[in-house]
Amino acid sequence: DDGYEDKDIQVLSPMYQGVAGVDALNEALQSLLNPPSPL
């Protein structure tokens, strides 16, 4: 909202599994930053 692009913001996690692992965070962040669209 302040004008940053997704390339400026990096979320890091030590492992892939878990409620805050890489996989769960990627899925949530994709929904926020690049949601489904007919286009």
PDB file of all heavy atoms in Angstrom:
ATOM      1  N   ASP A   1       0.826  -1.217   0.000  1.00  0.00           N
ATOM      2  CA  ASP A   1       0.000   0.000   0.000  1.00  0.00           C
ATOM      3  C   ASP A   1       0.858   1.264   0.000  1.00  0.00           C
ATOM      4  O   ASP A   1       0.428   2.318  -0.477  1.00  0.00           O
ATOM      5  CB  ASP A   1      -0.935   0.020   1.212  1.00  0.00           C
ATOM      6  CG  ASP A   1      -2.027  -1.040   1.130  1.00  0.00           C
ATOM      7  OD1 ASP A   1      -2.250  -1.559   0.016  1.00  0.00           O
ATOM      8  OD2 ASP A   1      -2.644  -1.348   2.166  1.00  0.00           O
ATOM      9  N   ASP A   2       2.092   1.147   0.548  1.00  0.00           N
ATOM     10  CA  ASP A   2       3.004   2.296   0.587  1.00  0.00           C
ATOM     11  C   ASP A   2       3.818   2.432  -0.702  1.00  0.00           C
ATOM     12  O   ASP A   2       4.686   3.313  -0.796  1.00  0.00           O
ATOM     13  CB  ASP A   2       3.964   2.182   1.773  1.00  0.00           C
ATOM     14  CG  ASP A   2       3.275   2.508   3.098  1.00  0.00           C
ATOM     15  OD1 ASP A   2       2.196   3.130   3.065  1.00  0.00           O
ATOM     16  OD2 ASP A   2       3.810   2.128   4.158  1.00  0.00           O
ATOM     17  N   GLY A   3       3.558   1.556  -1.674  1.00  0.00           N
ATOM     18  CA  GLY A   3       4.221   1.679  -2.967  1.00  0.00           C
ATOM     19  C   GLY A   3       5.366   0.722  -3.222  1.00  0.00           C
ATOM     20  O   GLY A   3       6.019   0.782  -4.271  1.00  0.00           O
ATOM     21  N   TYR A   4       5.629  -0.175  -2.267  1.00  0.00           N
ATOM     22  CA  TYR A   4       6.665  -1.174  -2.492  1.00  0.00           C
ATOM     23  C   TYR A   4       6.181  -2.239  -3.467  1.00  0.00           C
ATOM     24  O   TYR A   4       4.988  -2.509  -3.565  1.00  0.00           O
ATOM     25  CB  TYR A   4       7.068  -1.848  -1.171  1.00  0.00           C
ATOM     26  CG  TYR A   4       7.950  -1.006  -0.276  1.00  0.00           C
ATOM     27  CD1 TYR A   4       7.446   0.092   0.416  1.00  0.00           C
ATOM     28  CD2 TYR A   4       9.293  -1.322  -0.118  1.00  0.00           C
ATOM     29  CE1 TYR A   4       8.260   0.859   1.249  1.00  0.00           C
ATOM     30  CE2 TYR A   4      10.120  -0.561   0.715  1.00  0.00           C
ATOM     31  CZ  TYR A   4       9.588   0.517   1.387  1.00  0.00           C
ATOM     32  OH  TYR A   4      10.392   1.278   2.201  1.00  0.00           O
ATOM     33  N   GLU A   5       7.111  -2.879  -4.184  1.00  0.00           N
ATOM     34  CA  GLU A   5       6.792  -4.007  -5.058  1.00  0.00           C
ATOM     35  C   GLU A   5       7.120  -5.308  -4.338  1.00  0.00           C
ATOM     36  O   GLU A   5       7.891  -5.315  -3.364  1.00  0.00           O
ATOM     37  CB  GLU A   5       7.584  -3.902  -6.359  1.00  0.00           C
ATOM     38  CG  GLU A   5       7.298  -2.645  -7.161  1.00  0.00           C
ATOM     39  CD  GLU A   5       8.114  -2.587  -8.436  1.00  0.00           C
ATOM     40  OE1 GLU A   5       8.481  -3.660  -8.961  1.00  0.00           O
ATOM     41  OE2 GLU A   5       8.409  -1.466  -8.900  1.00  0.00           O
ATOM     42  N   ASP A   6       6.534  -6.412  -4.836  1.00  0.00           N
ATOM     43  CA  ASP A   6       6.766  -7.687  -4.146  1.00  0.00           C
ATOM     44  C   ASP A   6       8.239  -8.091  -4.162  1.00  0.00           C
ATOM     45  O   ASP A   6       8.713  -8.784  -3.269  1.00  0.00           O
ATOM     46  CB  ASP A   6       5.881  -8.802  -4.702  1.00  0.00           C
ATOM     47  CG  ASP A   6       6.147  -9.107  -6.173  1.00  0.00           C
ATOM     48  OD1 ASP A   6       7.079  -8.530  -6.754  1.00  0.00           O
ATOM     49  OD2 ASP A   6       5.408  -9.926  -6.744  1.00  0.00           O
ATOM     50  N   LYS A   7       9.001  -7.621  -5.154  1.00  0.00           N
ATOM     51  CA  LYS A   7      10.427  -7.957  -5.197  1.00  0.00           C
ATOM     52  C   LYS A   7      11.206  -7.267  -4.074  1.00  0.00           C
ATOM     53  O   LYS A   7      12.333  -7.668  -3.756  1.00  0.00           O
ATOM     54  CB  LYS A   7      11.022  -7.582  -6.552  1.00  0.00           C
ATOM     55  CG  LYS A   7      11.061  -6.094  -6.832  1.00  0.00           C
ATOM     56  CD  LYS A   7      11.683  -5.798  -8.189  1.00  0.00           C
ATOM     57  CE  LYS A   7      11.735  -4.286  -8.446  1.00  0.00           C
ATOM     58  NZ  LYS A   7      12.342  -3.993  -9.775  1.00  0.00           N
ATOM     59  N   ASP A   8      10.631  -6.205  -3.486  1.00  0.00           N
ATOM     60  CA  ASP A   8      11.299  -5.474  -2.406  1.00  0.00           C
ATOM     61  C   ASP A   8      11.105  -6.130  -1.050  1.00  0.00           C
ATOM     62  O   ASP A   8      11.792  -5.782  -0.089  1.00  0.00           O
ATOM     63  CB  ASP A   8      10.762  -4.038  -2.315  1.00  0.00           C
ATOM     64  CG  ASP A   8      10.971  -3.244  -3.589  1.00  0.00           C
ATOM     65  OD1 ASP A   8      12.027  -3.436  -4.226  1.00  0.00           O
ATOM     66  OD2 ASP A   8      10.076  -2.452  -3.957  1.00  0.00           O
ATOM     67  N   ILE A   9      10.131  -7.053  -0.973  1.00  0.00           N
ATOM     68  CA  ILE A   9       9.749  -7.653   0.309  1.00  0.00           C
ATOM     69  C   ILE A   9      10.035  -9.147   0.253  1.00  0.00           C
ATOM     70  O   ILE A   9       9.514  -9.844  -0.619  1.00  0.00           O
ATOM     71  CB  ILE A   9       8.251  -7.441   0.589  1.00  0.00           C
ATOM     72  CG1 ILE A   9       7.885  -5.960   0.438  1.00  0.00           C
ATOM     73  CG2 ILE A   9       7.868  -7.963   1.956  1.00  0.00           C
ATOM     74  CD1 ILE A   9       6.400  -5.713   0.268  1.00  0.00           C
ATOM     75  N   GLN A  10      10.866  -9.642   1.156  1.00  0.00           N
ATOM     76  CA  GLN A  10      11.172 -11.061   1.142  1.00  0.00           C
ATOM     77  C   GLN A  10      10.848 -11.693   2.490  1.00  0.00           C
ATOM     78  O   GLN A  10      11.358 -11.265   3.525  1.00  0.00           O
ATOM     79  CB  GLN A  10      12.631 -11.323   0.807  1.00  0.00           C
ATOM     80  CG  GLN A  10      12.933 -12.784   0.564  1.00  0.00           C
ATOM     81  CD  GLN A  10      12.071 -13.359  -0.556  1.00  0.00           C
ATOM     82  OE1 GLN A  10      12.077 -12.862  -1.666  1.00  0.00           O
ATOM     83  NE2 GLN A  10      11.322 -14.415  -0.254  1.00  0.00           N
ATOM     84  N   VAL A  11       9.982 -12.703   2.446  1.00  0.00           N
ATOM     85  CA  VAL A  11       9.670 -13.490   3.637  1.00  0.00           C
ATOM     86  C   VAL A  11      10.605 -14.693   3.649  1.00  0.00           C
ATOM     87  O   VAL A  11      10.782 -15.363   2.620  1.00  0.00           O
ATOM     88  CB  VAL A  11       8.196 -13.934   3.639  1.00  0.00           C
ATOM     89  CG1 VAL A  11       7.880 -14.720   4.909  1.00  0.00           C
ATOM     90  CG2 VAL A  11       7.273 -12.725   3.507  1.00  0.00           C
ATOM     91  N   LEU A  12      11.208 -14.975   4.801  1.00  0.00           N
ATOM     92  CA  LEU A  12      12.134 -16.092   4.951  1.00  0.00           C
ATOM     93  C   LEU A  12      11.629 -17.022   6.045  1.00  0.00           C
ATOM     94  O   LEU A  12      11.090 -16.560   7.051  1.00  0.00           O
ATOM     95  CB  LEU A  12      13.535 -15.597   5.323  1.00  0.00           C
ATOM     96  CG  LEU A  12      14.197 -14.600   4.378  1.00  0.00           C
ATOM     97  CD1 LEU A  12      15.554 -14.168   4.944  1.00  0.00           C
ATOM     98  CD2 LEU A  12      14.375 -15.207   2.998  1.00  0.00           C
ATOM     99  N   SER A  13      11.814 -18.318   5.841  1.00  0.00           N
ATOM    100  CA  SER A  13      11.439 -19.294   6.852  1.00  0.00           C
ATOM    101  C   SER A  13      12.480 -20.410   6.848  1.00  0.00           C
ATOM    102  O   SER A  13      13.007 -20.749   5.787  1.00  0.00           O
ATOM    103  CB  SER A  13      10.040 -19.854   6.558  1.00  0.00           C
ATOM    104  OG  SER A  13       9.616 -20.716   7.601  1.00  0.00           O
ATOM    105  N   PRO A  14      12.792 -20.983   7.986  1.00  0.00           N
ATOM    106  CA  PRO A  14      13.853 -21.995   8.036  1.00  0.00           C
ATOM    107  C   PRO A  14      13.509 -23.310   7.343  1.00  0.00           C
ATOM    108  O   PRO A  14      14.404 -24.045   6.938  1.00  0.00           O
ATOM    109  CB  PRO A  14      14.046 -22.229   9.541  1.00  0.00           C
ATOM    110  CG  PRO A  14      13.453 -21.043  10.206  1.00  0.00           C
ATOM    111  CD  PRO A  14      12.324 -20.614   9.327  1.00  0.00           C
ATOM    112  N   MET A  15      12.216 -23.634   7.225  1.00  0.00           N
ATOM    113  CA  MET A  15      11.857 -24.941   6.677  1.00  0.00           C
ATOM    114  C   MET A  15      10.560 -24.859   5.881  1.00  0.00           C
ATOM    115  O   MET A  15       9.821 -23.882   5.961  1.00  0.00           O
ATOM    116  CB  MET A  15      11.740 -25.971   7.803  1.00  0.00           C
ATOM    117  CG  MET A  15      10.747 -25.614   8.893  1.00  0.00           C
ATOM    118  SD  MET A  15      11.019 -26.563  10.417  1.00  0.00           S
ATOM    119  CE  MET A  15      10.819 -28.234   9.836  1.00  0.00           C
ATOM    120  N   TYR A  16      10.302 -25.896   5.093  1.00  0.00           N
ATOM    121  CA  TYR A  16       9.147 -25.893   4.186  1.00  0.00           C
ATOM    122  C   TYR A  16       7.844 -26.233   4.899  1.00  0.00           C
ATOM    123  O   TYR A  16       6.805 -25.657   4.590  1.00  0.00           O
ATOM    124  CB  TYR A  16       9.384 -26.884   3.033  1.00  0.00           C
ATOM    125  CG  TYR A  16      10.352 -26.362   2.002  1.00  0.00           C
ATOM    126  CD1 TYR A  16      11.710 -26.649   2.092  1.00  0.00           C
ATOM    127  CD2 TYR A  16       9.909 -25.569   0.942  1.00  0.00           C
ATOM    128  CE1 TYR A  16      12.605 -26.153   1.157  1.00  0.00           C
ATOM    129  CE2 TYR A  16      10.796 -25.069  -0.001  1.00  0.00           C
ATOM    130  CZ  TYR A  16      12.138 -25.364   0.106  1.00  0.00           C
ATOM    131  OH  TYR A  16      13.023 -24.858  -0.822  1.00  0.00           O
ATOM    132  N   GLN A  17       7.885 -27.157   5.864  1.00  0.00           N
ATOM    133  CA  GLN A  17       6.666 -27.610   6.510  1.00  0.00           C
ATOM    134  C   GLN A  17       6.292 -26.698   7.675  1.00  0.00           C
ATOM    135  O   GLN A  17       7.081 -25.895   8.136  1.00  0.00           O
ATOM    136  CB  GLN A  17       6.827 -29.058   7.009  1.00  0.00           C
ATOM    137  CG  GLN A  17       6.964 -30.097   5.900  1.00  0.00           C
ATOM    138  CD  GLN A  17       8.336 -30.120   5.278  1.00  0.00           C
ATOM    139  OE1 GLN A  17       9.319 -29.884   5.954  1.00  0.00           O
ATOM    140  NE2 GLN A  17       8.402 -30.402   3.981  1.00  0.00           N
ATOM    141  N   GLY A  18       5.044 -26.880   8.165  1.00  0.00           N
ATOM    142  CA  GLY A  18       4.603 -26.169   9.355  1.00  0.00           C
ATOM    143  C   GLY A  18       3.648 -25.037   9.043  1.00  0.00           C
ATOM    144  O   GLY A  18       3.495 -24.612   7.897  1.00  0.00           O
ATOM    145  N   VAL A  19       3.001 -24.525  10.099  1.00  0.00           N
ATOM    146  CA  VAL A  19       1.991 -23.479   9.922  1.00  0.00           C
ATOM    147  C   VAL A  19       2.593 -22.183   9.395  1.00  0.00           C
ATOM    148  O   VAL A  19       1.899 -21.367   8.785  1.00  0.00           O
ATOM    149  CB  VAL A  19       1.241 -23.192  11.245  1.00  0.00           C
ATOM    150  CG1 VAL A  19       0.412 -24.381  11.667  1.00  0.00           C
ATOM    151  CG2 VAL A  19       2.225 -22.782  12.348  1.00  0.00           C
ATOM    152  N   ALA A  20       3.894 -21.992   9.618  1.00  0.00           N
ATOM    153  CA  ALA A  20       4.569 -20.803   9.090  1.00  0.00           C
ATOM    154  C   ALA A  20       5.803 -21.206   8.293  1.00  0.00           C
ATOM    155  O   ALA A  20       6.800 -20.475   8.240  1.00  0.00           O
ATOM    156  CB  ALA A  20       4.955 -19.853  10.216  1.00  0.00           C
ATOM    157  N   GLY A  21       5.705 -22.382   7.663  1.00  0.00           N
ATOM    158  CA  GLY A  21       6.787 -22.831   6.800  1.00  0.00           C
ATOM    159  C   GLY A  21       6.704 -22.180   5.427  1.00  0.00           C
ATOM    160  O   GLY A  21       5.752 -21.447   5.117  1.00  0.00           O
ATOM    161  N   VAL A  22       7.680 -22.449   4.594  1.00  0.00           N
ATOM    162  CA  VAL A  22       7.750 -21.839   3.260  1.00  0.00           C
ATOM    163  C   VAL A  22       6.497 -22.137   2.440  1.00  0.00           C
ATOM    164  O   VAL A  22       5.933 -21.243   1.794  1.00  0.00           O
ATOM    165  CB  VAL A  22       9.012 -22.335   2.519  1.00  0.00           C
ATOM    166  CG1 VAL A  22       8.991 -21.899   1.059  1.00  0.00           C
ATOM    167  CG2 VAL A  22      10.267 -21.822   3.200  1.00  0.00           C
ATOM    168  N   ASP A  23       6.035 -23.378   2.460  1.00  0.00           N
ATOM    169  CA  ASP A  23       4.884 -23.749   1.628  1.00  0.00           C
ATOM    170  C   ASP A  23       3.625 -22.995   2.030  1.00  0.00           C
ATOM    171  O   ASP A  23       2.913 -22.443   1.173  1.00  0.00           O
ATOM    172  CB  ASP A  23       4.647 -25.266   1.704  1.00  0.00           C
ATOM    173  CG  ASP A  23       5.765 -26.071   1.059  1.00  0.00           C
ATOM    174  OD1 ASP A  23       6.464 -25.510   0.188  1.00  0.00           O
ATOM    175  OD2 ASP A  23       5.951 -27.244   1.433  1.00  0.00           O
ATOM    176  N   ALA A  24       3.330 -22.960   3.330  1.00  0.00           N
ATOM    177  CA  ALA A  24       2.120 -22.280   3.806  1.00  0.00           C
ATOM    178  C   ALA A  24       2.188 -20.776   3.527  1.00  0.00           C
ATOM    179  O   ALA A  24       1.199 -20.154   3.105  1.00  0.00           O
ATOM    180  CB  ALA A  24       1.929 -22.531   5.299  1.00  0.00           C
ATOM    181  N   LEU A  25       3.341 -20.179   3.728  1.00  0.00           N
ATOM    182  CA  LEU A  25       3.488 -18.748   3.511  1.00  0.00           C
ATOM    183  C   LEU A  25       3.423 -18.399   2.026  1.00  0.00           C
ATOM    184  O   LEU A  25       2.828 -17.390   1.638  1.00  0.00           O
ATOM    185  CB  LEU A  25       4.801 -18.260   4.127  1.00  0.00           C
ATOM    186  CG  LEU A  25       4.761 -18.104   5.649  1.00  0.00           C
ATOM    187  CD1 LEU A  25       6.166 -18.023   6.235  1.00  0.00           C
ATOM    188  CD2 LEU A  25       3.965 -16.861   6.037  1.00  0.00           C
ATOM    189  N   ASN A  26       4.004 -19.241   1.182  1.00  0.00           N
ATOM    190  CA  ASN A  26       3.924 -18.988  -0.260  1.00  0.00           C
ATOM    191  C   ASN A  26       2.479 -19.015  -0.751  1.00  0.00           C
ATOM    192  O   ASN A  26       2.062 -18.177  -1.549  1.00  0.00           O
ATOM    193  CB  ASN A  26       4.761 -20.015  -1.031  1.00  0.00           C
ATOM    194  CG  ASN A  26       6.137 -19.493  -1.394  1.00  0.00           C
ATOM    195  OD1 ASN A  26       6.316 -18.302  -1.657  1.00  0.00           O
ATOM    196  ND2 ASN A  26       7.116 -20.374  -1.410  1.00  0.00           N
ATOM    197  N   GLU A  27       1.726 -19.992  -0.266  1.00  0.00           N
ATOM    198  CA  GLU A  27       0.326 -20.105  -0.686  1.00  0.00           C
ATOM    199  C   GLU A  27      -0.468 -18.870  -0.264  1.00  0.00           C
ATOM    200  O   GLU A  27      -1.244 -18.315  -1.048  1.00  0.00           O
ATOM    201  CB  GLU A  27      -0.288 -21.376  -0.087  1.00  0.00           C
ATOM    202  CG  GLU A  27      -1.700 -21.650  -0.567  1.00  0.00           C
ATOM    203  CD  GLU A  27      -2.256 -22.961  -0.021  1.00  0.00           C
ATOM    204  OE1 GLU A  27      -1.455 -23.800   0.465  1.00  0.00           O
ATOM    205  OE2 GLU A  27      -3.484 -23.155  -0.089  1.00  0.00           O
ATOM    206  N   ALA A  28      -0.263 -18.428   0.976  1.00  0.00           N
ATOM    207  CA  ALA A  28      -0.989 -17.260   1.471  1.00  0.00           C
ATOM    208  C   ALA A  28      -0.557 -15.979   0.760  1.00  0.00           C
ATOM    209  O   ALA A  28      -1.386 -15.130   0.400  1.00  0.00           O
ATOM    210  CB  ALA A  28      -0.773 -17.121   2.974  1.00  0.00           C
ATOM    211  N   LEU A  29       0.735 -15.843   0.532  1.00  0.00           N
ATOM    212  CA  LEU A  29       1.254 -14.633  -0.110  1.00  0.00           C
ATOM    213  C   LEU A  29       0.875 -14.566  -1.583  1.00  0.00           C
ATOM    214  O   LEU A  29       0.624 -13.484  -2.128  1.00  0.00           O
ATOM    215  CB  LEU A  29       2.772 -14.570   0.056  1.00  0.00           C
ATOM    216  CG  LEU A  29       3.248 -14.231   1.477  1.00  0.00           C
ATOM    217  CD1 LEU A  29       4.712 -14.610   1.671  1.00  0.00           C
ATOM    218  CD2 LEU A  29       3.038 -12.747   1.774  1.00  0.00           C
ATOM    219  N   GLN A  30       0.818 -15.717  -2.242  1.00  0.00           N
ATOM    220  CA  GLN A  30       0.363 -15.723  -3.637  1.00  0.00           C
ATOM    221  C   GLN A  30      -1.078 -15.227  -3.724  1.00  0.00           C
ATOM    222  O   GLN A  30      -1.429 -14.439  -4.612  1.00  0.00           O
ATOM    223  CB  GLN A  30       0.472 -17.124  -4.236  1.00  0.00           C
ATOM    224  CG  GLN A  30       0.076 -17.181  -5.718  1.00  0.00           C
ATOM    225  CD  GLN A  30      -0.093 -18.608  -6.225  1.00  0.00           C
ATOM    226  OE1 GLN A  30      -0.556 -19.485  -5.487  1.00  0.00           O
ATOM    227  NE2 GLN A  30       0.290 -18.841  -7.468  1.00  0.00           N
ATOM    228  N   SER A  31      -1.920 -15.662  -2.790  1.00  0.00           N
ATOM    229  CA  SER A  31      -3.321 -15.223  -2.781  1.00  0.00           C
ATOM    230  C   SER A  31      -3.433 -13.719  -2.578  1.00  0.00           C
ATOM    231  O   SER A  31      -4.318 -13.066  -3.134  1.00  0.00           O
ATOM    232  CB  SER A  31      -4.097 -15.950  -1.677  1.00  0.00           C
ATOM    233  OG  SER A  31      -4.118 -17.341  -1.920  1.00  0.00           O
ATOM    234  N   LEU A  32      -2.517 -13.155  -1.775  1.00  0.00           N
ATOM    235  CA  LEU A  32      -2.541 -11.715  -1.529  1.00  0.00           C
ATOM    236  C   LEU A  32      -1.964 -10.923  -2.696  1.00  0.00           C
ATOM    237  O   LEU A  32      -2.553  -9.928  -3.145  1.00  0.00           O
ATOM    238  CB  LEU A  32      -1.743 -11.394  -0.258  1.00  0.00           C
ATOM    239  CG  LEU A  32      -1.515  -9.900   0.038  1.00  0.00           C
ATOM    240  CD1 LEU A  32      -2.834  -9.227   0.416  1.00  0.00           C
ATOM    241  CD2 LEU A  32      -0.474  -9.718   1.141  1.00  0.00           C
ATOM    242  N   LEU A  33      -0.790 -11.347  -3.174  1.00  0.00           N
ATOM    243  CA  LEU A  33      -0.042 -10.540  -4.132  1.00  0.00           C
ATOM    244  C   LEU A  33      -0.369 -10.843  -5.592  1.00  0.00           C
ATOM    245  O   LEU A  33      -0.173  -9.985  -6.458  1.00  0.00           O
ATOM    246  CB  LEU A  33       1.462 -10.736  -3.899  1.00  0.00           C
ATOM    247  CG  LEU A  33       1.969 -10.297  -2.523  1.00  0.00           C
ATOM    248  CD1 LEU A  33       3.408 -10.747  -2.316  1.00  0.00           C
ATOM    249  CD2 LEU A  33       1.866  -8.778  -2.362  1.00  0.00           C
ATOM    250  N   ASN A  34      -0.847 -12.048  -5.859  1.00  0.00           N
ATOM    251  CA  ASN A  34      -1.149 -12.425  -7.245  1.00  0.00           C
ATOM    252  C   ASN A  34      -2.358 -13.355  -7.278  1.00  0.00           C
ATOM    253  O   ASN A  34      -2.255 -14.527  -7.628  1.00  0.00           O
ATOM    254  CB  ASN A  34       0.073 -13.108  -7.881  1.00  0.00           C
ATOM    255  CG  ASN A  34      -0.075 -13.272  -9.379  1.00  0.00           C
ATOM    256  OD1 ASN A  34      -0.721 -12.468 -10.046  1.00  0.00           O
ATOM    257  ND2 ASN A  34       0.534 -14.323  -9.917  1.00  0.00           N
ATOM    258  N   PRO A  35      -3.538 -12.828  -6.892  1.00  0.00           N
ATOM    259  CA  PRO A  35      -4.731 -13.667  -6.800  1.00  0.00           C
ATOM    260  C   PRO A  35      -5.218 -14.140  -8.168  1.00  0.00           C
ATOM    261  O   PRO A  35      -4.819 -13.582  -9.198  1.00  0.00           O
ATOM    262  CB  PRO A  35      -5.756 -12.730  -6.149  1.00  0.00           C
ATOM    263  CG  PRO A  35      -5.305 -11.360  -6.528  1.00  0.00           C
ATOM    264  CD  PRO A  35      -3.808 -11.423  -6.561  1.00  0.00           C
ATOM    265  N   PRO A  36      -6.076 -15.165  -8.184  1.00  0.00           N
ATOM    266  CA  PRO A  36      -6.625 -15.653  -9.458  1.00  0.00           C
ATOM    267  C   PRO A  36      -7.354 -14.539 -10.198  1.00  0.00           C
ATOM    268  O   PRO A  36      -7.960 -13.651  -9.588  1.00  0.00           O
ATOM    269  CB  PRO A  36      -7.596 -16.760  -9.029  1.00  0.00           C
ATOM    270  CG  PRO A  36      -7.178 -17.144  -7.649  1.00  0.00           C
ATOM    271  CD  PRO A  36      -6.596 -15.919  -7.026  1.00  0.00           C
ATOM    272  N   SER A  37      -7.288 -14.608 -11.522  1.00  0.00           N
ATOM    273  CA  SER A  37      -7.960 -13.619 -12.359  1.00  0.00           C
ATOM    274  C   SER A  37      -8.264 -14.245 -13.713  1.00  0.00           C
ATOM    275  O   SER A  37      -7.450 -15.012 -14.235  1.00  0.00           O
ATOM    276  CB  SER A  37      -7.076 -12.381 -12.544  1.00  0.00           C
ATOM    277  OG  SER A  37      -7.563 -11.556 -13.585  1.00  0.00           O
ATOM    278  N   PRO A  38      -9.414 -13.924 -14.289  1.00  0.00           N
ATOM    279  CA  PRO A  38      -9.724 -14.420 -15.643  1.00  0.00           C
ATOM    280  C   PRO A  38      -8.694 -13.956 -16.670  1.00  0.00           C
ATOM    281  O   PRO A  38      -8.567 -14.560 -17.741  1.00  0.00           O
ATOM    282  CB  PRO A  38     -11.103 -13.810 -15.937  1.00  0.00           C
ATOM    283  CG  PRO A  38     -11.669 -13.453 -14.611  1.00  0.00           C
ATOM    284  CD  PRO A  38     -10.512 -13.120 -13.735  1.00  0.00           C
ATOM    285  N   LEU A  39      -7.982 -12.907 -16.347  1.00  0.00           N
ATOM    286  CA  LEU A  39      -6.998 -12.359 -17.277  1.00  0.00           C
ATOM    287  C   LEU A  39      -5.624 -13.015 -17.127  1.00  0.00           C
ATOM    288  O   LEU A  39      -4.714 -12.719 -17.899  1.00  0.00           O
ATOM    289  CB  LEU A  39      -6.859 -10.848 -17.045  1.00  0.00           C
ATOM    290  CG  LEU A  39      -8.142 -10.017 -17.199  1.00  0.00           C
ATOM    291  CD1 LEU A  39      -7.868  -8.554 -16.876  1.00  0.00           C
ATOM    292  CD2 LEU A  39      -8.708 -10.156 -18.614  1.00  0.00           C
TER     293      LEU A  39
END
